[in-house]
C-alpha atoms as a PDB file:
ATOM      1  CA  UNK A   1     -27.974  14.866   1.858  1.00  0.00           C
ATOM      2  CA  UNK A   2     -24.955  13.307   3.507  1.00  0.00           C
ATOM      3  CA  UNK A   3     -24.512  13.255   7.254  1.00  0.00           C
ATOM      4  CA  UNK A   4     -21.526  14.471   9.232  1.00  0.00           C
ATOM      5  CA  UNK A   5     -20.590  10.811   9.755  1.00  0.00           C
ATOM      6  CA  UNK A   6     -20.475  10.012   6.049  1.00  0.00           C
ATOM      7  CA  UNK A   7     -18.654  13.287   5.368  1.00  0.00           C
ATOM      8  CA  UNK A   8     -15.985  12.358   7.938  1.00  0.00           C
ATOM      9  CA  UNK A   9     -15.639   8.889   6.427  1.00  0.00           C
ATOM     10  CA  UNK A  10     -15.297  10.385   2.940  1.00  0.00           C
ATOM     11  CA  UNK A  11     -12.507  12.668   4.201  1.00  0.00           C
ATOM     12  CA  UNK A  12     -10.776   9.620   5.720  1.00  0.00           C
ATOM     13  CA  UNK A  13     -11.115   7.722   2.441  1.00  0.00           C
ATOM     14  CA  UNK A  14      -9.610  10.619   0.462  1.00  0.00           C
ATOM     15  CA  UNK A  15      -6.693  10.885   2.879  1.00  0.00           C
ATOM     16  CA  UNK A  16      -5.997   7.150   2.703  1.00  0.00           C
ATOM     17  CA  UNK A  17      -6.072   7.416  -1.080  1.00  0.00           C
ATOM     18  CA  UNK A  18      -8.564   4.691  -1.957  1.00  0.00           C
ATOM     19  CA  UNK A  19     -11.972   4.798  -3.560  1.00  0.00           C
ATOM     20  CA  UNK A  20     -15.257   4.597  -1.673  1.00  0.00           C
ATOM     21  CA  UNK A  21     -16.161   1.232  -3.163  1.00  0.00           C
ATOM     22  CA  UNK A  22     -12.947  -0.362  -1.901  1.00  0.00           C
ATOM     23  CA  UNK A  23     -13.414   1.193   1.535  1.00  0.00           C
ATOM     24  CA  UNK A  24     -16.951  -0.178   1.720  1.00  0.00           C
ATOM     25  CA  UNK A  25     -15.780  -3.639   0.715  1.00  0.00           C
ATOM     26  CA  UNK A  26     -13.204  -3.678   3.545  1.00  0.00           C
ATOM     27  CA  UNK A  27     -15.625  -2.340   6.150  1.00  0.00           C
ATOM     28  CA  UNK A  28     -18.749  -4.329   5.194  1.00  0.00           C
ATOM     29  CA  UNK A  29     -20.663  -1.134   4.460  1.00  0.00           C
ATOM     30  CA  UNK A  30     -23.259  -1.265   1.695  1.00  0.00           C
ATOM     31  CA  UNK A  31     -21.823   0.358  -1.441  1.00  0.00           C
ATOM     32  CA  UNK A  32     -24.375   3.173  -1.344  1.00  0.00           C
ATOM     33  CA  UNK A  33     -23.993   3.829   2.410  1.00  0.00           C
ATOM     34  CA  UNK A  34     -21.757   6.874   2.072  1.00  0.00           C
ATOM     35  CA  UNK A  35     -23.959   8.612  -0.489  1.00  0.00           C
ATOM     36  CA  UNK A  36     -27.512   7.608   0.366  1.00  0.00           C
ATOM     37  CA  UNK A  37     -29.479   9.710   2.843  1.00  0.00           C
ATOM     38  CA  UNK A  38     -31.339   6.698   4.231  1.00  0.00           C
ATOM     39  CA  UNK A  39     -27.991   5.207   5.304  1.00  0.00           C
ATOM     40  CA  UNK A  40     -26.497   8.503   6.456  1.00  0.00           C
ATOM     41  CA  UNK A  41     -26.869   8.010  10.191  1.00  0.00           C
ATOM     42  CA  UNK A  42     -26.865   4.268  10.576  1.00  0.00           C
ATOM     43  CA  UNK A  43     -25.209   2.527  13.477  1.00  0.00           C
ATOM     44  CA  UNK A  44     -22.919   0.773  11.005  1.00  0.00           C
ATOM     45  CA  UNK A  45     -21.522   4.059   9.658  1.00  0.00           C
ATOM     46  CA  UNK A  46     -21.051   5.433  13.163  1.00  0.00           C
ATOM     47  CA  UNK A  47     -19.259   2.296  14.359  1.00  0.00           C
ATOM     48  CA  UNK A  48     -16.980   2.323  11.325  1.00  0.00           C
ATOM     49  CA  UNK A  49     -16.071   5.943  11.993  1.00  0.00           C
ATOM     50  CA  UNK A  50     -15.491   5.162  15.686  1.00  0.00           C
ATOM     51  CA  UNK A  51     -13.104   2.336  14.773  1.00  0.00           C
ATOM     52  CA  UNK A  52     -10.987   4.638  12.637  1.00  0.00           C
ATOM     53  CA  UNK A  53     -11.013   7.452  15.189  1.00  0.00           C
ATOM     54  CA  UNK A  54      -9.763   4.966  17.793  1.00  0.00           C
ATOM     55  CA  UNK A  55      -7.094   3.686  15.420  1.00  0.00           C
ATOM     56  CA  UNK A  56      -5.919   7.235  14.770  1.00  0.00           C
ATOM     57  CA  UNK A  57      -5.048   7.421  18.479  1.00  0.00           C
ATOM     58  CA  UNK A  58      -2.822   4.355  18.052  1.00  0.00           C
ATOM     59  CA  UNK A  59      -1.018   5.170  14.805  1.00  0.00           C
ATOM     60  CA  UNK A  60       0.966   8.032  13.307  1.00  0.00           C
ATOM     61  CA  UNK A  61      -1.280   8.402  10.273  1.00  0.00           C
ATOM     62  CA  UNK A  62      -4.596   7.366   8.841  1.00  0.00           C
ATOM     63  CA  UNK A  63      -2.683   5.339   6.259  1.00  0.00           C
ATOM     64  CA  UNK A  64      -0.913   3.395   9.045  1.00  0.00           C
ATOM     65  CA  UNK A  65      -4.275   2.820  10.722  1.00  0.00           C
ATOM     66  CA  UNK A  66      -5.740   1.557   7.436  1.00  0.00           C
ATOM     67  CA  UNK A  67      -2.785  -0.751   6.867  1.00  0.00           C
ATOM     68  CA  UNK A  68      -3.182  -2.248  10.343  1.00  0.00           C
ATOM     69  CA  UNK A  69      -6.947  -2.638   9.886  1.00  0.00           C
ATOM     70  CA  UNK A  70      -6.583  -4.420   6.545  1.00  0.00           C
ATOM     71  CA  UNK A  71      -3.315  -6.352   6.969  1.00  0.00           C
ATOM     72  CA  UNK A  72      -2.490  -7.138  10.619  1.00  0.00           C
ATOM     73  CA  UNK A  73      -3.640 -10.634  11.653  1.00  0.00           C
ATOM     74  CA  UNK A  74      -4.941 -10.737  15.225  1.00  0.00           C
ATOM     75  CA  UNK A  75      -4.454 -13.903  17.246  1.00  0.00           C
ATOM     76  CA  UNK A  76      -7.636 -13.302  19.245  1.00  0.00           C
ATOM     77  CA  UNK A  77      -9.615 -13.261  16.002  1.00  0.00           C
ATOM     78  CA  UNK A  78      -8.136 -16.544  14.745  1.00  0.00           C
ATOM     79  CA  UNK A  79      -5.302 -14.780  12.891  1.00  0.00           C
ATOM     80  CA  UNK A  80      -7.727 -12.749  10.804  1.00  0.00           C
ATOM     81  CA  UNK A  81      -7.605  -8.989  10.313  1.00  0.00           C
ATOM     82  CA  UNK A  82     -10.046  -6.487  11.751  1.00  0.00           C
ATOM     83  CA  UNK A  83     -11.357  -6.024   8.235  1.00  0.00           C
ATOM     84  CA  UNK A  84     -12.086  -9.732   7.890  1.00  0.00           C
ATOM     85  CA  UNK A  85     -13.867  -9.727  11.246  1.00  0.00           C
ATOM     86  CA  UNK A  86     -16.069  -6.866  10.041  1.00  0.00           C
ATOM     87  CA  UNK A  87     -16.810  -8.532   6.713  1.00  0.00           C
ATOM     88  CA  UNK A  88     -17.665 -11.952   8.110  1.00  0.00           C
ATOM     89  CA  UNK A  89     -19.539 -10.845  11.227  1.00  0.00           C
ATOM     90  CA  UNK A  90     -21.173  -7.550  10.196  1.00  0.00           C
ATOM     91  CA  UNK A  91     -22.670  -5.873  13.275  1.00  0.00           C
ATOM     92  CA  UNK A  92     -21.130  -8.217  15.841  1.00  0.00           C
ATOM     93  CA  UNK A  93     -17.800  -7.763  14.074  1.00  0.00           C
ATOM     94  CA  UNK A  94     -17.816  -4.012  14.631  1.00  0.00           C
ATOM     95  CA  UNK A  95     -18.418  -4.499  18.345  1.00  0.00           C
ATOM     96  CA  UNK A  96     -15.633  -7.079  18.549  1.00  0.00           C
ATOM     97  CA  UNK A  97     -13.170  -4.793  16.753  1.00  0.00           C
ATOM     98  CA  UNK A  98     -14.135  -1.819  18.938  1.00  0.00           C
ATOM     99  CA  UNK A  99     -13.674  -3.904  22.091  1.00  0.00           C
ATOM    100  CA  UNK A 100     -10.298  -5.166  20.871  1.00  0.00           C
ATOM    101  CA  UNK A 101      -9.035  -1.661  20.057  1.00  0.00           C
ATOM    102  CA  UNK A 102     -10.279  -0.363  23.416  1.00  0.00           C
ATOM    103  CA  UNK A 103      -8.313  -3.079  25.196  1.00  0.00           C
ATOM    104  CA  UNK A 104      -5.175  -2.239  23.171  1.00  0.00           C
ATOM    105  CA  UNK A 105      -5.532   1.463  24.002  1.00  0.00           C
ATOM    106  CA  UNK A 106      -5.774   0.528  27.686  1.00  0.00           C
ATOM    107  CA  UNK A 107      -2.594  -1.546  27.425  1.00  0.00           C
ATOM    108  CA  UNK A 108      -4.102  -4.991  26.935  1.00  0.00           C
ATOM    109  CA  UNK A 109      -2.224  -7.689  25.097  1.00  0.00           C
ATOM    110  CA  UNK A 110      -2.941 -11.062  23.528  1.00  0.00           C
END
């Protein structure tokens, strides 16, 4: 049985227009995370959902948020994207991305 978190992520994935496997590869989620009950409420899923909810507040569409997440190099992350930070740093990467987005929402700059 899927959780509300995985259901929300699946809705996001459908709206962006990509498949679940690609989404998982860009967010460092295990491939089965969205469909496996034992992963349904993990911190990793919740943090991934939080990142995209925060990005929705910054962009006009979920697609724009996805494009920023996957394509916009960030100076503070060594000119890597948020996606690359998540992939290479797993749990610490999610916290770093969340902190960065929070600072941008509050008007911070690099």
